[in-house]
């Protein structure tokens, strides 16, 4: 595969009408501009990359992407690495703590481009059976739907604060324009707003209220977690309100994970919980 990647790099260079000397000269300018000699690609090194299966390091790959006017993902694909698979591969990894999700740059995405005419939004449906056609779309075409007020968070696999409403390992959509905590009575636990919070030690996702100058993070009553108290504006701040969620419903997997998490935290049970007077149930 390495030899094949080098061969494809050589073919790309030749299609662009560049000689190995052209590449070396262009890389010299890059190295000088950034004051980084690692960006330099001499003729011998390029020859080794193209014909001897030598893998370019990250500096050389960046320089080649700049010189060939290609995305890094495009050059990675020459070596059999599909950068567009990164989001799905990220979903296969487990992170124990709740955190914001960084942006992932991908050039295109496969998505439904045509649905069967019988599709009805009012009915619960197996969407897979209604997709008439899949297509690959450049993400630039989706720029019209960009909404900068939204960010995305990830609920850690050991964060049971809002279980069972929010399962550990879920992805949440956060509306950053909704930072004011809504007070009032709620018809059900699903009506009460959930907030994504940044603290000095990390992130949390919970129901929130303000008591004096303190921000109260209240977990779901069935979660078995403790109420947490922070100085509002000093030790914690509201990132926004959770307005969407994507989560698995594999209860057996969650049960096993929770049992493991409970065993790890058994030694902390002697730590007193923070209790607030006359705290209303949601």
Protein backbone atom coordinates (compact mmCIF):
# COMPACT_ATOMS: atom_id res chain seq x y z
CA UNK A 1 0.00 0.00 0.00
CA UNK A 2 2.92 2.41 0.76
CA UNK A 3 4.41 1.82 -2.72
CA UNK A 4 0.98 2.34 -4.24
CA UNK A 5 0.55 5.61 -2.35
CA UNK A 6 3.91 6.86 -3.57
CA UNK A 7 3.05 5.92 -7.13
CA UNK A 8 -0.19 7.86 -6.90
CA UNK A 9 1.68 10.86 -5.52
CA UNK A 10 4.03 10.71 -8.50
CA UNK A 11 1.11 10.50 -10.91
CA UNK A 12 -0.51 13.50 -9.24
CA UNK A 13 2.70 15.52 -9.52
CA UNK A 14 3.07 14.61 -13.18
CA UNK A 15 -0.55 15.53 -13.95
CA UNK A 16 0.14 18.94 -12.43
CA UNK A 17 3.18 19.34 -14.69
CA UNK A 18 5.64 19.64 -11.80
CA UNK A 19 9.19 18.26 -11.70
CA UNK A 20 10.89 17.05 -8.55
CA UNK A 21 13.01 20.21 -8.70
CA UNK A 22 9.81 22.31 -8.83
CA UNK A 23 8.57 20.60 -5.68
CA UNK A 24 11.88 21.15 -3.90
CA UNK A 25 11.89 24.85 -4.76
CA UNK A 26 8.29 25.29 -3.63
CA UNK A 27 9.01 23.50 -0.36
CA UNK A 28 12.03 25.74 0.23
CA UNK A 29 9.71 28.75 0.08
CA UNK A 30 7.33 27.11 2.54
CA UNK A 31 10.15 26.25 4.92
CA UNK A 32 11.44 29.81 4.74
CA UNK A 33 7.99 31.34 5.18
CA UNK A 34 7.21 29.29 8.30
CA UNK A 35 10.82 29.14 9.50
CA UNK A 36 10.46 25.39 9.70
CA UNK A 37 13.11 23.27 7.93
CA UNK A 38 10.91 20.17 8.39
CA UNK A 39 8.76 21.44 5.52
CA UNK A 40 11.65 21.14 3.08
CA UNK A 41 11.40 18.24 0.59
CA UNK A 42 14.60 17.70 -1.34
CA UNK A 43 14.72 15.76 -4.60
CA UNK A 44 16.16 12.62 -3.04
CA UNK A 45 13.48 12.48 -0.33
CA UNK A 46 10.66 12.99 -2.86
CA UNK A 47 12.12 10.23 -5.03
CA UNK A 48 12.16 7.87 -2.03
CA UNK A 49 8.53 8.76 -1.22
CA UNK A 50 7.37 8.20 -4.78
CA UNK A 51 9.30 5.04 -5.66
CA UNK A 52 10.64 3.34 -2.53
CA UNK A 53 7.58 3.21 -0.29
CA UNK A 54 8.89 5.80 2.19
CA UNK A 55 5.99 7.36 4.09
CA UNK A 56 5.99 11.15 4.20
CA UNK A 57 5.88 12.52 7.74
CA UNK A 58 3.25 15.06 8.73
CA UNK A 59 5.44 18.03 7.72
CA UNK A 60 6.18 16.60 4.28
CA UNK A 61 2.52 15.67 3.79
CA UNK A 62 1.46 19.21 4.67
CA UNK A 63 4.01 20.67 2.27
CA UNK A 64 2.87 18.37 -0.55
CA UNK A 65 -0.77 19.30 0.10
CA UNK A 66 0.11 22.99 -0.14
CA UNK A 67 2.24 22.57 -3.27
CA UNK A 68 -0.24 20.28 -5.06
CA UNK A 69 -3.26 22.38 -3.96
CA UNK A 70 -4.88 19.33 -2.36
CA UNK A 71 -6.59 18.76 0.95
CA UNK A 72 -4.75 16.69 3.54
CA UNK A 73 -7.61 14.21 3.37
CA UNK A 74 -7.07 13.87 -0.38
CA UNK A 75 -3.42 12.92 0.12
CA UNK A 76 -4.26 10.56 2.97
CA UNK A 77 -6.68 8.76 0.66
CA UNK A 78 -3.77 7.98 -1.67
CA UNK A 79 -2.45 5.81 1.17
CA UNK A 80 -5.80 4.15 1.87
CA UNK A 81 -6.81 6.39 4.79
CA UNK A 82 -10.34 7.78 4.44
CA UNK A 83 -10.50 11.01 6.46
CA UNK A 84 -14.27 11.09 5.96
CA UNK A 85 -14.51 7.99 8.17
CA UNK A 86 -13.17 9.95 11.13
CA UNK A 87 -16.59 10.87 12.64
CA UNK A 88 -17.80 7.25 12.64
CA UNK A 89 -14.45 6.03 13.97
CA UNK A 90 -14.66 8.64 16.75
CA UNK A 91 -18.05 7.21 17.72
CA UNK A 92 -16.41 3.80 18.28
CA UNK A 93 -14.09 5.13 20.99
CA UNK A 94 -15.05 5.58 24.64
CA UNK A 95 -14.25 8.73 26.61
CA UNK A 96 -15.19 8.65 30.32
CA UNK A 97 -15.69 12.39 30.83
CA UNK A 98 -18.27 14.81 29.42
CA UNK A 99 -16.77 17.36 27.03
CA UNK A 100 -17.38 19.61 24.07
CA UNK A 101 -16.81 17.98 20.70
CA UNK A 102 -14.17 19.50 18.45
CA UNK A 103 -14.90 20.20 14.83
CA UNK A 104 -13.97 17.56 12.26
CA UNK A 105 -13.02 18.72 8.79
CA UNK A 106 -14.34 16.42 6.09
CA UNK A 107 -14.77 17.27 2.44
CA UNK A 108 -17.87 15.26 1.63
CA UNK A 109 -20.53 13.15 3.24
CA UNK A 110 -22.87 10.40 2.02
CA UNK A 111 -26.47 11.24 2.72
CA UNK A 112 -29.97 10.59 1.34
CA UNK A 113 -30.60 12.74 -1.71
CA UNK A 114 -33.99 11.29 -2.65
CA UNK A 115 -36.80 9.84 -0.49
CA UNK A 116 -39.80 7.79 -1.53
CA UNK A 117 -42.93 9.97 -2.02
CA UNK A 118 -44.80 8.05 0.73
CA UNK A 119 -42.50 9.49 3.42
CA UNK A 120 -44.60 11.13 6.16
CA UNK A 121 -42.91 13.10 8.94
CA UNK A 122 -45.89 12.48 11.23
CA UNK A 123 -45.34 8.73 11.39
CA UNK A 124 -42.63 6.62 12.97
CA UNK A 125 -40.87 4.98 10.05
CA UNK A 126 -37.93 2.80 9.09
CA UNK A 127 -36.13 5.56 7.24
CA UNK A 128 -33.71 3.14 5.58
CA UNK A 129 -36.54 1.60 3.58
CA UNK A 130 -37.69 5.00 2.33
CA UNK A 131 -34.35 6.19 0.98
CA UNK A 132 -34.60 5.98 -2.78
CA UNK A 133 -31.10 7.20 -3.50
CA UNK A 134 -27.86 7.93 -1.65
CA UNK A 135 -25.31 10.42 -2.88
CA UNK A 136 -22.01 12.03 -1.91
CA UNK A 137 -22.31 15.76 -1.39
CA UNK A 138 -19.53 18.30 -0.82
CA UNK A 139 -20.10 19.89 2.57
CA UNK A 140 -19.73 23.35 1.02
CA UNK A 141 -23.24 22.83 -0.40
CA UNK A 142 -24.58 22.63 3.16
CA UNK A 143 -23.17 26.01 4.18
CA UNK A 144 -26.60 27.61 3.76
CA UNK A 145 -27.78 25.56 6.74
CA UNK A 146 -24.96 26.72 8.99
CA UNK A 147 -26.12 28.07 12.33
CA UNK A 148 -23.30 29.37 14.46
CA UNK A 149 -25.38 29.48 17.65
CA UNK A 150 -25.19 25.69 17.93
CA UNK A 151 -22.30 23.69 19.33
CA UNK A 152 -22.07 20.00 20.15
CA UNK A 153 -21.20 18.11 23.30
CA UNK A 154 -20.45 14.52 24.22
CA UNK A 155 -21.77 12.84 27.38
CA UNK A 156 -18.95 10.80 28.89
CA UNK A 157 -19.39 7.05 29.18
CA UNK A 158 -19.03 7.37 32.95
CA UNK A 159 -21.28 10.43 33.31
CA UNK A 160 -24.65 9.18 34.62
CA UNK A 161 -25.93 12.60 35.74
CA UNK A 162 -29.02 12.69 33.52
CA UNK A 163 -29.58 8.95 33.15
CA UNK A 164 -32.01 7.68 31.91
CA UNK A 165 -33.09 10.83 30.03
CA UNK A 166 -29.59 11.23 28.54
CA UNK A 167 -27.59 8.04 28.15
CA UNK A 168 -23.81 8.04 28.69
CA UNK A 169 -22.04 8.17 25.33
CA UNK A 170 -24.68 10.45 23.78
CA UNK A 171 -24.01 13.43 21.53
CA UNK A 172 -25.99 16.56 22.34
CA UNK A 173 -26.72 19.71 20.35
CA UNK A 174 -26.35 22.85 22.45
CA UNK A 175 -28.00 26.20 21.67
CA UNK A 176 -25.50 28.80 22.90
CA UNK A 177 -28.09 31.58 22.60
CA UNK A 178 -30.08 30.01 25.46
CA UNK A 179 -27.87 30.61 28.48
CA UNK A 180 -30.46 32.07 30.84
CA UNK A 181 -31.78 29.47 33.25
CA UNK A 182 -35.52 29.10 32.95
CA UNK A 183 -37.43 28.85 36.22
CA UNK A 184 -40.94 27.50 36.75
CA UNK A 185 -42.96 24.33 37.08
CA UNK A 186 -42.67 21.61 34.46
CA UNK A 187 -45.31 19.20 33.24
CA UNK A 188 -42.73 16.40 33.06
CA UNK A 189 -39.01 15.78 33.28
CA UNK A 190 -38.81 16.07 29.49
CA UNK A 191 -40.15 19.64 29.58
CA UNK A 192 -37.51 20.88 32.00
CA UNK A 193 -34.53 22.42 30.18
CA UNK A 194 -31.18 20.65 30.40
CA UNK A 195 -28.04 22.77 30.28
CA UNK A 196 -24.47 22.12 29.19
CA UNK A 197 -22.13 23.59 31.79
CA UNK A 198 -18.39 24.29 31.86
CA UNK A 199 -16.71 24.08 35.26
CA UNK A 200 -13.12 24.57 36.32
CA UNK A 201 -12.56 20.82 36.16
CA UNK A 202 -14.49 19.93 33.01
CA UNK A 203 -18.00 19.84 31.60
CA UNK A 204 -21.35 18.68 32.89
CA UNK A 205 -24.88 18.26 31.57
CA UNK A 206 -27.74 18.65 34.06
CA UNK A 207 -30.86 20.46 35.17
CA UNK A 208 -29.84 23.81 36.64
CA UNK A 209 -31.12 26.38 39.09
CA UNK A 210 -29.66 29.37 40.91
CA UNK A 211 -29.63 29.56 44.70
CA UNK A 212 -28.20 32.88 45.84
CA UNK A 213 -24.90 33.20 44.03
CA UNK A 214 -24.59 29.46 43.46
CA UNK A 215 -25.31 27.40 40.37
CA UNK A 216 -26.99 24.12 41.32
CA UNK A 217 -26.51 21.12 39.03
CA UNK A 218 -29.33 18.70 39.76
CA UNK A 219 -29.09 15.15 38.42
CA UNK A 220 -32.01 12.96 37.43
CA UNK A 221 -33.51 11.33 40.57
CA UNK A 222 -32.97 7.85 39.11
CA UNK A 223 -29.31 8.44 38.29
CA UNK A 224 -28.04 7.91 41.81
CA UNK A 225 -25.73 10.92 41.40
CA UNK A 226 -25.24 13.79 43.83
CA UNK A 227 -26.37 17.39 43.52
CA UNK A 228 -23.40 19.65 42.76
CA UNK A 229 -22.96 23.26 43.79
CA UNK A 230 -20.71 25.87 42.10
CA UNK A 231 -20.16 29.59 42.44
CA UNK A 232 -22.06 30.94 39.46
CA UNK A 233 -19.78 32.84 37.07
CA UNK A 234 -16.61 31.89 38.96
CA UNK A 235 -16.46 28.11 39.16
CA UNK A 236 -19.04 27.36 36.47
CA UNK A 237 -20.83 28.95 33.54
CA UNK A 238 -23.67 27.93 31.24
CA UNK A 239 -22.55 27.06 27.70
CA UNK A 240 -26.13 26.72 26.48
CA UNK A 241 -29.31 24.67 26.54
CA UNK A 242 -29.46 21.14 25.17
CA UNK A 243 -31.91 21.16 22.25
CA UNK A 244 -31.09 17.87 20.52
CA UNK A 245 -29.63 14.48 21.32
CA UNK A 246 -28.35 11.41 19.48
CA UNK A 247 -27.98 8.34 21.69
CA UNK A 248 -27.99 4.57 21.74
CA UNK A 249 -30.68 2.55 23.50
CA UNK A 250 -28.63 -0.59 24.13
CA UNK A 251 -29.78 -1.11 27.70
CA UNK A 252 -27.70 -4.26 28.29
CA UNK A 253 -24.52 -2.45 27.29
CA UNK A 254 -25.40 0.49 29.53
CA UNK A 255 -26.25 -1.79 32.46
CA UNK A 256 -22.86 -3.51 32.26
CA UNK A 257 -21.05 -0.18 31.91
CA UNK A 258 -22.89 1.31 34.87
CA UNK A 259 -22.14 -1.67 37.07
CA UNK A 260 -18.45 -1.29 36.23
CA UNK A 261 -18.59 2.45 36.93
CA UNK A 262 -20.34 1.85 40.27
CA UNK A 263 -17.66 -0.61 41.37
CA UNK A 264 -14.93 1.94 40.56
CA UNK A 265 -16.61 4.65 42.64
CA UNK A 266 -17.51 2.42 45.60
CA UNK A 267 -14.69 3.91 47.67
CA UNK A 268 -16.16 7.43 47.39
CA UNK A 269 -19.51 6.60 49.02
CA UNK A 270 -18.39 8.08 52.36
CA UNK A 271 -18.21 11.55 50.79
CA UNK A 272 -21.30 13.49 51.99
CA UNK A 273 -23.75 14.64 49.33
CA UNK A 274 -24.60 18.29 48.92
CA UNK A 275 -28.24 18.80 49.88
CA UNK A 276 -30.35 21.87 49.35
CA UNK A 277 -33.33 22.71 51.58
CA UNK A 278 -36.83 22.20 50.18
CA UNK A 279 -35.54 21.09 46.79
CA UNK A 280 -38.45 20.32 44.48
CA UNK A 281 -38.51 17.22 42.37
CA UNK A 282 -38.60 17.89 38.62
